[in-house]
């Protein structure tokens, strides 16, 4: 898949190009490989650095994307909030609202961008394990998460992982004995 972006070249872009010793005509092109994922799976992960095409692939591979901030405020969902690894629904941090957004909007075919980015690493791994348990309990399919954090993979236990930096599909994901 080829992505093309065109910007107006002005004095600022000329100076930026000159500063980095780059010739810039105002157009950039990027090739993004589309992973050969199976048509049916429980969960997949797009992992890689920022700017590597995760969001573009997420839009291509899923039916709809999580809408951040479109859900009910955290405090109104104490029970739902608790299912996602938190003991109370009184906090209103960005990470907490992200948990509720996922819980309220989670359906088969959903793409979740910046999965766990608003959480500390321990919270991110706990969220991944909670999401795995919830997907199993609800029988959800074709959920894809995009993240820069590979540490969540063992906790999420996906069917496949696409490494955007290496453009490599991994399907032999080790299954760890994680308590449900």
N, C-alpha and C. Protein backbone atom coordinates (compact mmCIF):
# COMPACT_ATOMS: atom_id res chain seq x y z
N UNK A 1 0.85 -1.14 0.00
CA UNK A 1 0.00 0.00 0.00
C UNK A 1 0.92 1.23 0.00
N UNK A 2 0.65 2.16 -0.88
CA UNK A 2 1.42 3.39 -0.97
C UNK A 2 0.64 4.53 -0.34
N UNK A 3 1.27 5.26 0.53
CA UNK A 3 0.68 6.47 1.11
C UNK A 3 1.45 7.66 0.58
N UNK A 4 0.71 8.68 0.22
CA UNK A 4 1.33 9.87 -0.33
C UNK A 4 0.80 11.09 0.41
N UNK A 5 1.70 11.98 0.78
CA UNK A 5 1.32 13.22 1.45
C UNK A 5 1.97 14.39 0.71
N UNK A 6 1.19 15.43 0.56
CA UNK A 6 1.70 16.61 -0.12
C UNK A 6 1.44 17.83 0.77
N UNK A 7 2.48 18.64 0.94
CA UNK A 7 2.35 19.86 1.72
C UNK A 7 2.86 21.04 0.90
N UNK A 8 2.38 22.22 1.27
CA UNK A 8 2.83 23.42 0.60
C UNK A 8 4.23 23.75 1.10
N UNK A 9 5.15 23.97 0.19
CA UNK A 9 6.52 24.32 0.57
C UNK A 9 6.59 25.83 0.76
N UNK A 10 6.92 26.22 1.98
CA UNK A 10 7.08 27.64 2.28
C UNK A 10 8.45 27.85 2.92
N UNK A 11 8.68 29.01 3.46
CA UNK A 11 9.99 29.32 4.04
C UNK A 11 10.31 28.40 5.22
N UNK A 12 9.32 28.08 6.02
CA UNK A 12 9.54 27.20 7.18
C UNK A 12 9.96 25.80 6.73
N UNK A 13 9.25 25.24 5.76
CA UNK A 13 9.63 23.89 5.30
C UNK A 13 10.98 23.90 4.59
N UNK A 14 11.29 24.97 3.87
CA UNK A 14 12.62 25.06 3.23
C UNK A 14 13.72 25.10 4.28
N UNK A 15 13.52 25.88 5.34
CA UNK A 15 14.53 25.97 6.40
C UNK A 15 14.68 24.63 7.13
N UNK A 16 13.56 23.97 7.38
CA UNK A 16 13.62 22.67 8.05
C UNK A 16 14.39 21.67 7.20
N UNK A 17 14.10 21.64 5.91
CA UNK A 17 14.81 20.73 5.00
C UNK A 17 16.29 21.05 4.97
N UNK A 18 16.60 22.32 4.93
CA UNK A 18 18.01 22.75 4.89
C UNK A 18 18.72 22.38 6.20
N UNK A 19 18.04 22.56 7.32
CA UNK A 19 18.63 22.24 8.62
C UNK A 19 19.01 20.77 8.70
N UNK A 20 18.17 19.91 8.15
CA UNK A 20 18.43 18.48 8.19
C UNK A 20 19.12 17.97 6.94
N UNK A 21 19.56 18.90 6.09
CA UNK A 21 20.29 18.56 4.87
C UNK A 21 19.52 17.55 4.01
N UNK A 22 18.22 17.87 3.79
CA UNK A 22 17.33 17.01 3.02
C UNK A 22 16.72 17.82 1.88
N UNK A 23 16.64 17.20 0.72
CA UNK A 23 15.91 17.83 -0.37
C UNK A 23 14.45 17.45 -0.22
N UNK A 24 13.58 18.47 -0.25
CA UNK A 24 12.16 18.22 -0.05
C UNK A 24 11.35 19.01 -1.07
N UNK A 25 10.59 18.30 -1.88
CA UNK A 25 9.79 18.92 -2.93
C UNK A 25 8.36 19.21 -2.48
N UNK A 26 8.01 18.76 -1.28
CA UNK A 26 6.65 18.95 -0.80
C UNK A 26 5.82 17.68 -0.84
N UNK A 27 6.37 16.61 -1.40
CA UNK A 27 5.64 15.34 -1.49
C UNK A 27 6.48 14.23 -0.88
N UNK A 28 5.83 13.41 -0.06
CA UNK A 28 6.50 12.23 0.48
C UNK A 28 5.66 11.00 0.16
N UNK A 29 6.31 9.89 -0.03
CA UNK A 29 5.63 8.62 -0.26
C UNK A 29 6.20 7.58 0.68
N UNK A 30 5.30 6.76 1.19
CA UNK A 30 5.69 5.69 2.09
C UNK A 30 4.99 4.41 1.68
N UNK A 31 5.75 3.33 1.63
CA UNK A 31 5.16 2.02 1.35
C UNK A 31 4.89 1.32 2.68
N UNK A 32 3.66 0.85 2.84
CA UNK A 32 3.29 0.10 4.04
C UNK A 32 2.83 -1.28 3.60
N UNK A 33 3.53 -2.29 4.09
CA UNK A 33 3.16 -3.66 3.77
C UNK A 33 1.92 -4.05 4.57
N UNK A 34 0.97 -4.69 3.90
CA UNK A 34 -0.25 -5.15 4.56
C UNK A 34 -0.01 -6.60 4.99
N UNK A 35 -0.17 -6.88 6.29
CA UNK A 35 0.12 -8.23 6.76
C UNK A 35 -0.89 -9.26 6.24
N UNK A 36 -0.42 -10.45 5.92
CA UNK A 36 -1.30 -11.53 5.45
C UNK A 36 -1.96 -12.25 6.62
N UNK A 37 -2.88 -11.56 7.29
CA UNK A 37 -3.51 -12.15 8.48
C UNK A 37 -4.67 -13.05 8.07
N UNK A 38 -5.01 -14.03 8.92
CA UNK A 38 -6.16 -14.89 8.61
C UNK A 38 -7.45 -14.09 8.62
N UNK A 39 -8.49 -14.62 7.99
CA UNK A 39 -9.76 -13.89 7.94
C UNK A 39 -10.51 -13.92 9.27
N UNK A 40 -10.29 -14.94 10.07
CA UNK A 40 -10.94 -15.04 11.38
C UNK A 40 -9.88 -15.34 12.43
N UNK A 41 -9.93 -14.60 13.51
CA UNK A 41 -9.00 -14.75 14.63
C UNK A 41 -9.65 -14.09 15.83
N UNK A 42 -9.10 -14.32 16.98
CA UNK A 42 -9.63 -13.67 18.18
C UNK A 42 -9.03 -12.28 18.34
N UNK A 43 -7.69 -12.22 18.30
CA UNK A 43 -7.02 -10.95 18.54
C UNK A 43 -5.72 -10.89 17.76
N UNK A 44 -5.42 -9.72 17.24
CA UNK A 44 -4.15 -9.48 16.56
C UNK A 44 -3.53 -8.21 17.11
N UNK A 45 -2.21 -8.09 16.95
CA UNK A 45 -1.49 -6.92 17.45
C UNK A 45 -0.63 -6.35 16.33
N UNK A 46 -0.70 -5.02 16.19
CA UNK A 46 0.21 -4.27 15.33
C UNK A 46 1.17 -3.57 16.28
N UNK A 47 2.45 -3.92 16.23
CA UNK A 47 3.41 -3.33 17.16
C UNK A 47 4.57 -2.74 16.38
N UNK A 48 4.99 -1.56 16.82
CA UNK A 48 6.11 -0.91 16.17
C UNK A 48 6.22 0.54 16.57
N UNK A 49 7.24 1.21 16.07
CA UNK A 49 7.46 2.60 16.46
C UNK A 49 6.41 3.55 15.89
N UNK A 50 6.35 4.72 16.45
CA UNK A 50 5.45 5.76 15.94
C UNK A 50 5.81 6.06 14.49
N UNK A 51 4.80 6.29 13.68
CA UNK A 51 5.02 6.64 12.28
C UNK A 51 5.27 5.46 11.37
N UNK A 52 5.08 4.24 11.86
CA UNK A 52 5.36 3.04 11.07
C UNK A 52 4.13 2.49 10.35
N UNK A 53 2.98 3.19 10.44
CA UNK A 53 1.80 2.76 9.70
C UNK A 53 0.79 1.95 10.49
N UNK A 54 0.91 1.90 11.81
CA UNK A 54 -0.02 1.10 12.61
C UNK A 54 -1.46 1.58 12.45
N UNK A 55 -1.67 2.89 12.54
CA UNK A 55 -3.03 3.42 12.43
C UNK A 55 -3.62 3.16 11.05
N UNK A 56 -2.83 3.32 10.02
CA UNK A 56 -3.28 3.06 8.64
C UNK A 56 -3.69 1.60 8.49
N UNK A 57 -2.88 0.68 9.00
CA UNK A 57 -3.20 -0.74 8.94
C UNK A 57 -4.43 -1.07 9.79
N UNK A 58 -4.54 -0.43 10.94
CA UNK A 58 -5.68 -0.66 11.81
C UNK A 58 -6.98 -0.31 11.09
N UNK A 59 -7.00 0.81 10.39
CA UNK A 59 -8.20 1.21 9.63
C UNK A 59 -8.49 0.22 8.51
N UNK A 60 -7.46 -0.37 7.94
CA UNK A 60 -7.66 -1.31 6.84
C UNK A 60 -8.13 -2.69 7.33
N UNK A 61 -7.66 -3.10 8.50
CA UNK A 61 -7.93 -4.45 8.99
C UNK A 61 -9.20 -4.59 9.84
N UNK A 62 -9.79 -3.48 10.26
CA UNK A 62 -10.93 -3.57 11.17
C UNK A 62 -12.17 -2.89 10.58
N UNK A 63 -13.32 -3.22 11.17
CA UNK A 63 -14.59 -2.64 10.72
C UNK A 63 -14.80 -1.25 11.28
N UNK A 64 -14.33 -1.02 12.50
CA UNK A 64 -14.47 0.30 13.12
C UNK A 64 -13.38 0.50 14.14
N UNK A 65 -13.13 1.78 14.46
CA UNK A 65 -12.09 2.12 15.42
C UNK A 65 -12.69 2.61 16.73
N UNK A 66 -11.98 2.36 17.81
CA UNK A 66 -12.36 2.89 19.10
C UNK A 66 -12.40 4.41 19.00
N UNK A 67 -13.42 5.01 19.55
CA UNK A 67 -13.56 6.46 19.56
C UNK A 67 -13.18 6.98 20.95
N UNK A 68 -11.95 7.46 21.11
CA UNK A 68 -11.50 7.93 22.42
C UNK A 68 -12.38 9.05 22.95
N UNK A 69 -12.73 8.96 24.23
CA UNK A 69 -13.50 10.00 24.88
C UNK A 69 -14.98 10.01 24.54
N UNK A 70 -15.45 9.06 23.73
CA UNK A 70 -16.86 9.05 23.32
C UNK A 70 -17.74 8.29 24.30
N UNK A 71 -17.15 7.75 25.34
CA UNK A 71 -17.90 6.93 26.29
C UNK A 71 -18.36 7.74 27.49
N UNK A 72 -19.17 7.10 28.30
CA UNK A 72 -19.66 7.68 29.55
C UNK A 72 -18.49 7.96 30.47
N UNK A 73 -18.55 9.02 31.26
CA UNK A 73 -17.47 9.28 32.23
C UNK A 73 -17.24 8.08 33.15
N UNK A 74 -16.01 7.94 33.58
CA UNK A 74 -15.57 6.80 34.38
C UNK A 74 -16.46 6.55 35.61
N UNK A 75 -16.78 7.58 36.33
CA UNK A 75 -17.50 7.43 37.60
C UNK A 75 -18.85 6.74 37.45
N UNK A 76 -19.44 6.75 36.28
CA UNK A 76 -20.74 6.12 36.07
C UNK A 76 -20.64 4.64 35.76
N UNK A 77 -19.43 4.10 35.72
CA UNK A 77 -19.24 2.70 35.35
C UNK A 77 -18.36 1.94 36.33
N UNK A 78 -18.67 1.99 37.58
CA UNK A 78 -17.84 1.33 38.59
C UNK A 78 -17.69 -0.17 38.32
N UNK A 79 -18.78 -0.87 37.98
CA UNK A 79 -18.70 -2.32 37.75
C UNK A 79 -17.89 -2.63 36.50
N UNK A 80 -18.15 -1.91 35.42
CA UNK A 80 -17.42 -2.12 34.17
C UNK A 80 -15.94 -1.80 34.37
N UNK A 81 -15.71 -0.74 35.09
CA UNK A 81 -14.36 -0.29 35.38
C UNK A 81 -13.59 -1.36 36.16
N UNK A 82 -14.25 -1.98 37.12
CA UNK A 82 -13.62 -3.02 37.92
C UNK A 82 -13.24 -4.23 37.08
N UNK A 83 -14.03 -4.54 36.04
CA UNK A 83 -13.72 -5.66 35.15
C UNK A 83 -12.41 -5.44 34.40
N UNK A 84 -12.02 -4.19 34.26
CA UNK A 84 -10.82 -3.87 33.50
C UNK A 84 -9.61 -3.65 34.38
N UNK A 85 -9.64 -4.23 35.57
CA UNK A 85 -8.45 -4.24 36.40
C UNK A 85 -8.32 -3.10 37.39
N UNK A 86 -9.38 -2.36 37.64
CA UNK A 86 -9.31 -1.25 38.59
C UNK A 86 -10.29 -1.49 39.72
N UNK A 87 -9.95 -1.03 40.91
CA UNK A 87 -10.80 -1.31 42.06
C UNK A 87 -11.92 -0.31 42.26
N UNK A 88 -11.78 0.90 41.72
CA UNK A 88 -12.87 1.86 41.88
C UNK A 88 -13.02 2.68 40.61
N UNK A 89 -14.14 3.34 40.48
CA UNK A 89 -14.40 4.17 39.31
C UNK A 89 -14.38 5.64 39.63
N UNK A 90 -13.65 6.04 40.67
CA UNK A 90 -13.66 7.44 41.07
C UNK A 90 -12.57 8.25 40.40
N UNK A 91 -11.54 7.66 39.91
CA UNK A 91 -10.46 8.38 39.25
C UNK A 91 -10.88 8.76 37.83
N UNK A 92 -10.35 9.85 37.34
CA UNK A 92 -10.72 10.29 36.00
C UNK A 92 -9.48 10.59 35.14
N UNK A 93 -8.44 9.83 35.31
CA UNK A 93 -7.24 10.04 34.51
C UNK A 93 -7.49 9.64 33.07
N UNK A 94 -6.60 10.05 32.19
CA UNK A 94 -6.71 9.68 30.77
C UNK A 94 -6.70 8.16 30.62
N UNK A 95 -5.82 7.48 31.34
CA UNK A 95 -5.76 6.03 31.26
C UNK A 95 -7.03 5.36 31.73
N UNK A 96 -7.62 5.91 32.79
CA UNK A 96 -8.87 5.36 33.30
C UNK A 96 -10.00 5.53 32.29
N UNK A 97 -10.08 6.69 31.66
CA UNK A 97 -11.12 6.91 30.66
C UNK A 97 -10.89 6.00 29.45
N UNK A 98 -9.63 5.76 29.10
CA UNK A 98 -9.32 4.86 27.99
C UNK A 98 -9.85 3.45 28.28
N UNK A 99 -9.70 3.00 29.53
CA UNK A 99 -10.23 1.69 29.93
C UNK A 99 -11.74 1.62 29.70
N UNK A 100 -12.45 2.66 30.12
CA UNK A 100 -13.90 2.67 29.97
C UNK A 100 -14.29 2.76 28.50
N UNK A 101 -13.57 3.56 27.71
CA UNK A 101 -13.84 3.63 26.28
C UNK A 101 -13.76 2.24 25.66
N UNK A 102 -12.73 1.49 26.01
CA UNK A 102 -12.57 0.14 25.47
C UNK A 102 -13.72 -0.76 25.94
N UNK A 103 -14.01 -0.72 27.23
CA UNK A 103 -15.05 -1.59 27.77
C UNK A 103 -16.41 -1.31 27.15
N UNK A 104 -16.76 -0.05 26.98
CA UNK A 104 -18.08 0.30 26.43
C UNK A 104 -18.19 0.01 24.95
N UNK A 105 -17.11 0.17 24.21
CA UNK A 105 -17.17 0.08 22.76
C UNK A 105 -16.70 -1.26 22.21
N UNK A 106 -16.26 -2.17 23.06
CA UNK A 106 -15.66 -3.42 22.61
C UNK A 106 -16.68 -4.32 21.93
N UNK A 107 -16.50 -4.53 20.65
CA UNK A 107 -17.32 -5.45 19.84
C UNK A 107 -16.38 -6.15 18.87
N UNK A 108 -16.84 -7.25 18.30
CA UNK A 108 -16.04 -7.95 17.29
C UNK A 108 -15.72 -6.98 16.15
N UNK A 109 -14.49 -7.07 15.65
CA UNK A 109 -14.08 -6.24 14.53
C UNK A 109 -13.56 -4.87 14.91
N UNK A 110 -13.38 -4.60 16.21
CA UNK A 110 -12.93 -3.28 16.66
C UNK A 110 -11.41 -3.16 16.57
N UNK A 111 -10.96 -1.99 16.17
CA UNK A 111 -9.54 -1.65 16.19
C UNK A 111 -9.28 -0.66 17.31
N UNK A 112 -8.24 -0.91 18.10
CA UNK A 112 -7.91 -0.04 19.22
C UNK A 112 -6.51 0.52 19.01
N UNK A 113 -6.44 1.82 18.72
CA UNK A 113 -5.15 2.48 18.51
C UNK A 113 -4.60 2.96 19.85
N UNK A 114 -3.27 3.04 19.93
CA UNK A 114 -2.60 3.51 21.14
C UNK A 114 -3.03 2.70 22.37
N UNK A 115 -3.21 1.40 22.16
CA UNK A 115 -3.62 0.52 23.26
C UNK A 115 -2.58 0.58 24.36
N UNK A 116 -2.97 0.90 25.55
CA UNK A 116 -2.18 1.00 26.78
C UNK A 116 -1.21 2.18 26.81
N UNK A 117 -1.20 3.06 25.80
CA UNK A 117 -0.24 4.17 25.80
C UNK A 117 -0.46 5.14 26.94
N UNK A 118 -1.67 5.28 27.42
CA UNK A 118 -1.94 6.19 28.52
C UNK A 118 -1.74 5.57 29.89
N UNK A 119 -1.20 4.36 29.93
CA UNK A 119 -1.05 3.64 31.19
C UNK A 119 0.42 3.40 31.50
N UNK A 120 0.74 3.24 32.79
CA UNK A 120 2.10 2.82 33.12
C UNK A 120 2.25 1.38 32.66
N UNK A 121 3.44 0.86 32.64
CA UNK A 121 3.68 -0.46 32.05
C UNK A 121 2.98 -1.57 32.83
N UNK A 122 2.96 -1.50 34.14
CA UNK A 122 2.25 -2.52 34.92
C UNK A 122 0.76 -2.46 34.62
N UNK A 123 0.21 -1.25 34.58
CA UNK A 123 -1.21 -1.07 34.25
C UNK A 123 -1.52 -1.53 32.83
N UNK A 124 -0.61 -1.30 31.92
CA UNK A 124 -0.80 -1.73 30.53
C UNK A 124 -0.86 -3.24 30.41
N UNK A 125 0.02 -3.93 31.12
CA UNK A 125 0.01 -5.39 31.08
C UNK A 125 -1.24 -5.94 31.75
N UNK A 126 -1.68 -5.32 32.84
CA UNK A 126 -2.91 -5.74 33.51
C UNK A 126 -4.11 -5.51 32.58
N UNK A 127 -4.11 -4.40 31.87
CA UNK A 127 -5.20 -4.10 30.93
C UNK A 127 -5.23 -5.12 29.80
N UNK A 128 -4.07 -5.52 29.30
CA UNK A 128 -4.00 -6.52 28.24
C UNK A 128 -4.56 -7.86 28.71
N UNK A 129 -4.21 -8.26 29.92
CA UNK A 129 -4.72 -9.52 30.47
C UNK A 129 -6.24 -9.44 30.68
N UNK A 130 -6.72 -8.29 31.17
CA UNK A 130 -8.16 -8.12 31.37
C UNK A 130 -8.90 -8.14 30.04
N UNK A 131 -8.33 -7.51 29.02
CA UNK A 131 -8.96 -7.52 27.69
C UNK A 131 -9.02 -8.95 27.14
N UNK A 132 -7.95 -9.72 27.32
CA UNK A 132 -7.94 -11.11 26.86
C UNK A 132 -9.05 -11.91 27.53
N UNK A 133 -9.17 -11.76 28.84
CA UNK A 133 -10.22 -12.49 29.57
C UNK A 133 -11.60 -12.08 29.09
N UNK A 134 -11.81 -10.79 28.90
CA UNK A 134 -13.11 -10.29 28.46
C UNK A 134 -13.45 -10.79 27.05
N UNK A 135 -12.47 -10.76 26.14
CA UNK A 135 -12.71 -11.25 24.78
C UNK A 135 -13.07 -12.73 24.79
N UNK A 136 -12.38 -13.52 25.62
CA UNK A 136 -12.68 -14.94 25.72
C UNK A 136 -14.08 -15.17 26.29
N UNK A 137 -14.41 -14.44 27.34
CA UNK A 137 -15.72 -14.62 27.98
C UNK A 137 -16.87 -14.23 27.06
N UNK A 138 -16.66 -13.21 26.23
CA UNK A 138 -17.72 -12.71 25.35
C UNK A 138 -17.69 -13.34 23.96
N UNK A 139 -16.66 -14.14 23.66
CA UNK A 139 -16.54 -14.77 22.34
C UNK A 139 -16.28 -13.77 21.21
N UNK A 140 -15.60 -12.68 21.51
CA UNK A 140 -15.33 -11.65 20.50
C UNK A 140 -14.25 -12.12 19.52
N UNK A 141 -14.33 -11.62 18.30
CA UNK A 141 -13.38 -12.00 17.25
C UNK A 141 -12.88 -10.77 16.51
N UNK A 142 -11.75 -10.96 15.86
CA UNK A 142 -11.15 -9.96 14.97
C UNK A 142 -10.94 -8.61 15.64
N UNK A 143 -10.46 -8.66 16.87
CA UNK A 143 -10.06 -7.45 17.58
C UNK A 143 -8.59 -7.21 17.25
N UNK A 144 -8.25 -5.99 16.88
CA UNK A 144 -6.86 -5.65 16.58
C UNK A 144 -6.46 -4.46 17.44
N UNK A 145 -5.33 -4.59 18.11
CA UNK A 145 -4.80 -3.48 18.89
C UNK A 145 -3.48 -3.02 18.27
N UNK A 146 -3.25 -1.72 18.30
CA UNK A 146 -2.01 -1.14 17.81
C UNK A 146 -1.29 -0.51 18.98
N UNK A 147 0.00 -0.77 19.08
CA UNK A 147 0.76 -0.29 20.24
C UNK A 147 2.24 -0.15 19.90
N UNK A 148 2.92 0.68 20.68
CA UNK A 148 4.38 0.75 20.59
C UNK A 148 5.01 -0.14 21.66
N UNK A 149 4.18 -0.70 22.53
CA UNK A 149 4.66 -1.47 23.68
C UNK A 149 4.53 -2.98 23.46
N UNK A 150 5.63 -3.64 23.20
CA UNK A 150 5.62 -5.09 22.97
C UNK A 150 5.44 -5.87 24.27
N UNK A 151 5.63 -5.23 25.42
CA UNK A 151 5.54 -5.96 26.68
C UNK A 151 4.14 -6.49 26.99
N UNK A 152 3.13 -5.99 26.30
CA UNK A 152 1.75 -6.44 26.56
C UNK A 152 1.42 -7.75 25.84
N UNK A 153 2.23 -8.13 24.87
CA UNK A 153 1.92 -9.29 24.02
C UNK A 153 1.73 -10.58 24.82
N UNK A 154 2.61 -10.92 25.75
CA UNK A 154 2.38 -12.17 26.51
C UNK A 154 1.09 -12.14 27.32
N UNK A 155 0.65 -10.98 27.76
CA UNK A 155 -0.56 -10.86 28.57
C UNK A 155 -1.82 -10.89 27.72
N UNK A 156 -1.73 -10.36 26.51
CA UNK A 156 -2.87 -10.34 25.60
C UNK A 156 -3.04 -11.69 24.91
N UNK A 157 -1.95 -12.40 24.70
CA UNK A 157 -1.92 -13.70 24.03
C UNK A 157 -2.68 -13.67 22.69
N UNK A 158 -2.24 -12.83 21.75
CA UNK A 158 -2.93 -12.72 20.46
C UNK A 158 -2.66 -13.91 19.56
N UNK A 159 -3.47 -14.02 18.51
CA UNK A 159 -3.27 -15.07 17.52
C UNK A 159 -2.14 -14.73 16.56
N UNK A 160 -1.94 -13.43 16.35
CA UNK A 160 -0.86 -12.99 15.48
C UNK A 160 -0.35 -11.62 15.91
N UNK A 161 0.91 -11.35 15.54
CA UNK A 161 1.53 -10.05 15.79
C UNK A 161 2.21 -9.62 14.50
N UNK A 162 1.92 -8.40 14.05
CA UNK A 162 2.59 -7.82 12.89
C UNK A 162 3.58 -6.79 13.42
N UNK A 163 4.87 -7.05 13.18
CA UNK A 163 5.94 -6.14 13.58
C UNK A 163 6.15 -5.16 12.44
N UNK A 164 5.65 -3.92 12.62
CA UNK A 164 5.70 -2.95 11.52
C UNK A 164 7.12 -2.57 11.13
N UNK A 165 8.01 -2.49 12.09
CA UNK A 165 9.39 -2.13 11.77
C UNK A 165 10.09 -3.16 10.90
N UNK A 166 9.85 -4.43 11.19
CA UNK A 166 10.48 -5.52 10.42
C UNK A 166 9.58 -6.01 9.30
N UNK A 167 8.33 -5.57 9.29
CA UNK A 167 7.33 -6.05 8.35
C UNK A 167 7.29 -7.58 8.36
N UNK A 168 7.08 -8.09 9.56
CA UNK A 168 7.12 -9.54 9.78
C UNK A 168 5.89 -9.98 10.58
N UNK A 169 5.23 -11.02 10.08
CA UNK A 169 4.07 -11.59 10.78
C UNK A 169 4.54 -12.74 11.66
N UNK A 170 4.15 -12.67 12.93
CA UNK A 170 4.48 -13.73 13.88
C UNK A 170 3.18 -14.41 14.29
N UNK A 171 3.11 -15.71 14.09
CA UNK A 171 1.92 -16.47 14.48
C UNK A 171 2.22 -17.51 15.55
N UNK A 172 3.48 -17.71 15.84
CA UNK A 172 3.86 -18.68 16.87
C UNK A 172 4.07 -17.96 18.20
N UNK A 173 3.01 -17.35 18.69
CA UNK A 173 3.08 -16.57 19.92
C UNK A 173 3.11 -17.53 21.10
N UNK A 174 4.14 -17.44 21.95
CA UNK A 174 4.17 -18.32 23.12
C UNK A 174 2.96 -18.08 24.01
N UNK A 175 2.33 -19.14 24.44
CA UNK A 175 1.16 -19.05 25.33
C UNK A 175 1.66 -19.30 26.75
N UNK A 176 1.59 -18.29 27.56
CA UNK A 176 2.05 -18.37 28.93
C UNK A 176 0.90 -18.80 29.84
N UNK A 177 1.24 -19.41 30.92
CA UNK A 177 0.22 -19.82 31.88
C UNK A 177 -0.13 -18.61 32.74
N UNK A 178 -1.11 -17.86 32.26
CA UNK A 178 -1.55 -16.68 33.00
C UNK A 178 -2.90 -17.02 33.63
N UNK A 179 -3.00 -16.77 34.91
CA UNK A 179 -4.22 -17.09 35.64
C UNK A 179 -5.39 -16.27 35.11
N UNK A 180 -6.52 -16.89 34.87
CA UNK A 180 -7.72 -16.18 34.40
C UNK A 180 -8.47 -15.55 35.50
